[in-house]
Amino acid sequence: MCQAVVYLVQNEQETEVMRDVILLEPVHEGVRLQAFFEEPITLSARIGRIDFMKHTVTLVAIEERPHGDE
């Protein structure tokens, strides 16, 4: 089986978010993750790197900007 481990980089810190991820789906809010026997979660993040050899995905948090700072 080829499940992945997903990490999130936020404020220059990398933390493990979920193991045994079977589905990663880009959605309007960011990225939705699904693992076996767990509820899906949605993170405000973008894909930073996918390492197929190590079965890891690194997401980068999307910084929330105040309205008008575009």
N, C-alpha and C. Protein backbone atom coordinates (compact mmCIF):
# COMPACT_ATOMS: atom_id res chain seq x y z
N MET A 1 0.84 -1.18 0.00
CA MET A 1 0.00 0.00 0.00
C MET A 1 0.88 1.24 0.00
N CYS A 2 0.37 2.30 -0.58
CA CYS A 2 1.18 3.50 -0.76
C CYS A 2 0.51 4.72 -0.16
N GLN A 3 0.18 4.67 1.11
CA GLN A 3 -0.36 5.86 1.74
C GLN A 3 0.78 6.84 2.00
N ALA A 4 0.41 8.07 2.21
CA ALA A 4 1.42 9.11 2.42
C ALA A 4 1.31 9.70 3.82
N VAL A 5 2.40 10.32 4.24
CA VAL A 5 2.42 11.12 5.45
C VAL A 5 2.44 12.58 5.00
N VAL A 6 1.56 13.41 5.58
CA VAL A 6 1.46 14.80 5.17
C VAL A 6 2.00 15.70 6.29
N TYR A 7 2.85 16.64 5.88
CA TYR A 7 3.44 17.62 6.79
C TYR A 7 2.97 19.00 6.39
N LEU A 8 2.91 19.91 7.37
CA LEU A 8 2.53 21.28 7.12
C LEU A 8 3.64 22.20 7.61
N VAL A 9 4.09 23.10 6.72
CA VAL A 9 5.08 24.10 7.08
C VAL A 9 4.36 25.40 7.37
N GLN A 10 4.56 25.88 8.60
CA GLN A 10 3.92 27.13 9.02
C GLN A 10 4.87 27.84 9.96
N ASN A 11 5.14 29.11 9.71
CA ASN A 11 6.08 29.89 10.52
C ASN A 11 7.43 29.19 10.63
N GLU A 12 7.89 28.65 9.51
CA GLU A 12 9.19 27.97 9.40
C GLU A 12 9.29 26.70 10.24
N GLN A 13 8.15 26.18 10.72
CA GLN A 13 8.11 24.94 11.47
C GLN A 13 7.37 23.88 10.66
N GLU A 14 7.93 22.68 10.59
CA GLU A 14 7.28 21.58 9.86
C GLU A 14 6.71 20.60 10.88
N THR A 15 5.40 20.35 10.79
CA THR A 15 4.75 19.42 11.71
C THR A 15 3.96 18.39 10.92
N GLU A 16 3.91 17.19 11.45
CA GLU A 16 3.13 16.12 10.83
C GLU A 16 1.65 16.39 11.08
N VAL A 17 0.87 16.30 10.01
CA VAL A 17 -0.56 16.59 10.09
C VAL A 17 -1.38 15.31 10.10
N MET A 18 -1.04 14.37 9.22
CA MET A 18 -1.83 13.15 9.10
C MET A 18 -0.99 12.03 8.49
N ARG A 19 -1.24 10.81 8.97
CA ARG A 19 -0.59 9.61 8.42
C ARG A 19 -1.60 8.80 7.63
N ASP A 20 -1.09 7.90 6.81
CA ASP A 20 -1.93 6.99 6.04
C ASP A 20 -2.95 7.71 5.17
N VAL A 21 -2.52 8.82 4.57
CA VAL A 21 -3.39 9.60 3.70
C VAL A 21 -3.59 8.86 2.38
N ILE A 22 -4.85 8.69 2.01
CA ILE A 22 -5.18 7.97 0.78
C ILE A 22 -5.70 8.90 -0.30
N LEU A 23 -6.07 10.15 0.09
CA LEU A 23 -6.59 11.09 -0.88
C LEU A 23 -6.19 12.50 -0.48
N LEU A 24 -5.65 13.23 -1.45
CA LEU A 24 -5.34 14.64 -1.28
C LEU A 24 -6.03 15.36 -2.42
N GLU A 25 -6.90 16.31 -2.07
CA GLU A 25 -7.71 16.97 -3.09
C GLU A 25 -7.63 18.49 -2.93
N PRO A 26 -7.19 19.20 -3.98
CA PRO A 26 -7.22 20.67 -3.92
C PRO A 26 -8.68 21.13 -3.92
N VAL A 27 -9.01 22.01 -3.01
CA VAL A 27 -10.35 22.59 -2.93
C VAL A 27 -10.20 24.11 -2.81
N HIS A 28 -11.31 24.82 -2.94
CA HIS A 28 -11.27 26.28 -2.90
C HIS A 28 -10.63 26.80 -1.61
N GLU A 29 -10.88 26.14 -0.50
CA GLU A 29 -10.37 26.58 0.80
C GLU A 29 -8.91 26.22 1.01
N GLY A 30 -8.36 25.32 0.20
CA GLY A 30 -6.97 24.87 0.37
C GLY A 30 -6.79 23.45 -0.11
N VAL A 31 -6.58 22.54 0.84
CA VAL A 31 -6.33 21.13 0.51
C VAL A 31 -7.12 20.25 1.47
N ARG A 32 -7.85 19.27 0.93
CA ARG A 32 -8.60 18.31 1.74
C ARG A 32 -7.81 17.01 1.80
N LEU A 33 -7.69 16.46 3.01
CA LEU A 33 -6.97 15.21 3.23
C LEU A 33 -7.92 14.16 3.77
N GLN A 34 -7.75 12.92 3.29
CA GLN A 34 -8.57 11.81 3.77
C GLN A 34 -7.66 10.63 4.07
N ALA A 35 -7.84 10.05 5.26
CA ALA A 35 -7.10 8.85 5.66
C ALA A 35 -8.13 7.75 5.94
N PHE A 36 -7.64 6.52 5.99
CA PHE A 36 -8.52 5.40 6.32
C PHE A 36 -9.20 5.64 7.67
N PHE A 37 -10.49 5.40 7.73
CA PHE A 37 -11.27 5.40 8.97
C PHE A 37 -11.22 6.70 9.74
N GLU A 38 -10.93 7.82 9.07
CA GLU A 38 -10.92 9.13 9.72
C GLU A 38 -11.76 10.10 8.91
N GLU A 39 -12.28 11.11 9.58
CA GLU A 39 -13.00 12.16 8.89
C GLU A 39 -12.01 12.97 8.07
N PRO A 40 -12.39 13.44 6.89
CA PRO A 40 -11.48 14.29 6.12
C PRO A 40 -11.28 15.63 6.83
N ILE A 41 -10.12 16.23 6.59
CA ILE A 41 -9.85 17.56 7.11
C ILE A 41 -9.46 18.45 5.94
N THR A 42 -9.74 19.74 6.08
CA THR A 42 -9.36 20.72 5.07
C THR A 42 -8.42 21.72 5.72
N LEU A 43 -7.27 21.93 5.07
CA LEU A 43 -6.27 22.87 5.57
C LEU A 43 -6.16 24.04 4.61
N SER A 44 -5.94 25.21 5.16
CA SER A 44 -5.68 26.39 4.36
C SER A 44 -4.20 26.35 3.98
N ALA A 45 -3.91 25.64 2.89
CA ALA A 45 -2.52 25.40 2.50
C ALA A 45 -2.45 25.12 1.00
N ARG A 46 -1.22 25.14 0.50
CA ARG A 46 -0.97 24.77 -0.88
C ARG A 46 0.09 23.67 -0.87
N ILE A 47 0.17 22.92 -1.96
CA ILE A 47 1.15 21.84 -2.05
C ILE A 47 2.53 22.45 -2.28
N GLY A 48 3.46 22.09 -1.42
CA GLY A 48 4.83 22.58 -1.55
C GLY A 48 5.71 21.56 -2.24
N ARG A 49 5.58 20.28 -1.84
CA ARG A 49 6.44 19.24 -2.40
C ARG A 49 5.77 17.88 -2.20
N ILE A 50 5.93 17.01 -3.20
CA ILE A 50 5.49 15.62 -3.09
C ILE A 50 6.70 14.76 -3.37
N ASP A 51 7.04 13.88 -2.43
CA ASP A 51 8.17 12.97 -2.60
C ASP A 51 7.60 11.56 -2.73
N PHE A 52 7.55 11.06 -3.95
CA PHE A 52 6.95 9.75 -4.20
C PHE A 52 7.79 8.61 -3.64
N MET A 53 9.10 8.80 -3.55
CA MET A 53 9.97 7.75 -3.01
C MET A 53 9.77 7.57 -1.50
N LYS A 54 9.56 8.68 -0.81
CA LYS A 54 9.39 8.64 0.65
C LYS A 54 7.92 8.62 1.07
N HIS A 55 7.01 8.74 0.10
CA HIS A 55 5.57 8.77 0.37
C HIS A 55 5.22 9.91 1.33
N THR A 56 5.76 11.09 1.04
CA THR A 56 5.47 12.26 1.86
C THR A 56 4.95 13.40 1.00
N VAL A 57 4.12 14.21 1.61
CA VAL A 57 3.60 15.43 0.98
C VAL A 57 3.87 16.56 1.97
N THR A 58 4.45 17.63 1.48
CA THR A 58 4.68 18.81 2.31
C THR A 58 3.77 19.92 1.82
N LEU A 59 2.93 20.41 2.72
CA LEU A 59 2.04 21.52 2.43
C LEU A 59 2.61 22.78 3.05
N VAL A 60 2.33 23.91 2.43
CA VAL A 60 2.75 25.21 2.95
C VAL A 60 1.49 25.98 3.32
N ALA A 61 1.43 26.43 4.57
CA ALA A 61 0.26 27.17 5.05
C ALA A 61 0.07 28.44 4.24
N ILE A 62 -1.18 28.75 3.96
CA ILE A 62 -1.53 30.00 3.30
C ILE A 62 -1.78 31.02 4.39
N GLU A 63 -1.02 32.09 4.35
CA GLU A 63 -1.17 33.14 5.35
C GLU A 63 -2.45 33.91 5.09
N GLU A 64 -3.22 34.10 6.13
CA GLU A 64 -4.44 34.90 6.02
C GLU A 64 -4.06 36.36 5.97
N ARG A 65 -4.58 37.06 4.97
CA ARG A 65 -4.31 38.50 4.87
C ARG A 65 -5.58 39.26 5.22
N PRO A 66 -5.43 40.37 5.93
CA PRO A 66 -6.62 41.18 6.24
C PRO A 66 -7.24 41.71 4.95
N HIS A 67 -8.54 41.93 4.94
CA HIS A 67 -9.22 42.45 3.77
C HIS A 67 -8.64 43.80 3.40
N GLY A 68 -8.43 44.02 2.12
CA GLY A 68 -7.89 45.27 1.63
C GLY A 68 -6.39 45.26 1.40
N ASP A 69 -5.70 44.20 1.85
CA ASP A 69 -4.24 44.07 1.66
C ASP A 69 -3.94 43.25 0.43
N GLU A 70 -4.49 43.56 -0.70
CA GLU A 70 -4.29 42.74 -1.90
C GLU A 70 -3.34 43.37 -2.85
